[in-house]
Amino acid sequence: MAGNLSVDPAGFGALSASLHGSAATLHEQAARLTAGTAAAYGETDAGAEAEREHQALVWGMHDHLRDTGDLLAESGAEAARTARRYDEAEEDRMRTATVLANAV
């Protein structure tokens, strides 16, 4: 008899893929913005510093999205393992109950 724990690892995988896609999109936007920021700020020292800060912020967000996607993928796999263990324990419990019922 299957347990009551229900996990959809595909859902975790889809969310992880979505976050990885968002990170890739952010990466592309960062490249475009970098080119645009250099022109907007001009070639001054302050402009160059603002551009570096902007790039650091965008790359930080990119890394965060990628890492979050990785963690979600790992969480989905662990949730699936936990669901399998729960189902196995439930099956063992039912077998034990059957053996005990037949023993009386």
Foldseek 3Di string as FASTA:
>chain_A
DADPQDADLVVLLVQLVVLLVVLVVLVVVLVVVLVVQCVVLDDDPVSVVVSVVSSVVSVVSSVVSNVVSVVSNVVSVVSVVVSVVRRVVVVVVVVVVVVVVVVD
